[in-house]
């Protein structure tokens, strides 16, 4: 339980999780963008 409280209170971990979330969001957008353009025939 000490590890969990350390992870939730550490700002470095919060920035890392935030960066990973932003990166996954951008990746999901590009996958949707390219798949929709491929399906519509550009």
C-alpha atoms as a PDB file:
ATOM      1  CA  UNK A   1       0.000   0.000   0.000  1.00  0.00           C
ATOM      2  CA  UNK A   2       2.964   2.319   0.554  1.00  0.00           C
ATOM      3  CA  UNK A   3       3.915   1.944  -3.118  1.00  0.00           C
ATOM      4  CA  UNK A   4       0.406   2.965  -4.189  1.00  0.00           C
ATOM      5  CA  UNK A   5       0.455   6.129  -2.087  1.00  0.00           C
ATOM      6  CA  UNK A   6       3.931   6.971  -3.391  1.00  0.00           C
ATOM      7  CA  UNK A   7       2.765   6.569  -6.999  1.00  0.00           C
ATOM      8  CA  UNK A   8      -0.321   8.732  -6.514  1.00  0.00           C
ATOM      9  CA  UNK A   9       1.544  11.547  -4.751  1.00  0.00           C
ATOM     10  CA  UNK A  10       4.690  11.716  -6.905  1.00  0.00           C
ATOM     11  CA  UNK A  11       4.465  14.470  -9.539  1.00  0.00           C
ATOM     12  CA  UNK A  12       6.969  12.722 -11.822  1.00  0.00           C
ATOM     13  CA  UNK A  13       4.693   9.678 -12.021  1.00  0.00           C
ATOM     14  CA  UNK A  14       1.705  11.929 -12.745  1.00  0.00           C
ATOM     15  CA  UNK A  15       3.564  13.621 -15.611  1.00  0.00           C
ATOM     16  CA  UNK A  16       4.606  10.220 -16.985  1.00  0.00           C
ATOM     17  CA  UNK A  17       1.038   8.867 -16.871  1.00  0.00           C
ATOM     18  CA  UNK A  18      -0.238  12.096 -18.409  1.00  0.00           C
ATOM     19  CA  UNK A  19       2.289  11.869 -21.234  1.00  0.00           C
ATOM     20  CA  UNK A  20       1.404   8.245 -21.901  1.00  0.00           C
ATOM     21  CA  UNK A  21      -2.308   9.122 -21.948  1.00  0.00           C
ATOM     22  CA  UNK A  22      -1.713  11.978 -24.412  1.00  0.00           C
ATOM     23  CA  UNK A  23       0.434   9.741 -26.607  1.00  0.00           C
ATOM     24  CA  UNK A  24      -2.217   7.000 -26.658  1.00  0.00           C
ATOM     25  CA  UNK A  25      -4.885   9.571 -27.497  1.00  0.00           C
ATOM     26  CA  UNK A  26      -2.846  10.879 -30.435  1.00  0.00           C
ATOM     27  CA  UNK A  27      -2.207   7.319 -31.636  1.00  0.00           C
ATOM     28  CA  UNK A  28      -5.918   6.487 -31.438  1.00  0.00           C
ATOM     29  CA  UNK A  29      -6.763   9.635 -33.409  1.00  0.00           C
ATOM     30  CA  UNK A  30      -4.304   8.759 -36.173  1.00  0.00           C
ATOM     31  CA  UNK A  31      -5.565   5.173 -36.368  1.00  0.00           C
ATOM     32  CA  UNK A  32      -9.134   6.453 -36.714  1.00  0.00           C
ATOM     33  CA  UNK A  33      -8.071   9.130 -39.221  1.00  0.00           C
ATOM     34  CA  UNK A  34      -6.161   6.786 -41.503  1.00  0.00           C
ATOM     35  CA  UNK A  35      -8.713   3.973 -41.304  1.00  0.00           C
ATOM     36  CA  UNK A  36     -11.568   6.331 -42.190  1.00  0.00           C
ATOM     37  CA  UNK A  37      -9.618   7.746 -45.133  1.00  0.00           C
ATOM     38  CA  UNK A  38      -8.653   4.297 -46.360  1.00  0.00           C
ATOM     39  CA  UNK A  39     -12.259   3.121 -46.145  1.00  0.00           C
ATOM     40  CA  UNK A  40     -13.543   6.189 -48.008  1.00  0.00           C
ATOM     41  CA  UNK A  41     -10.904   5.850 -50.723  1.00  0.00           C
ATOM     42  CA  UNK A  42      -9.170   9.141 -49.870  1.00  0.00           C
END
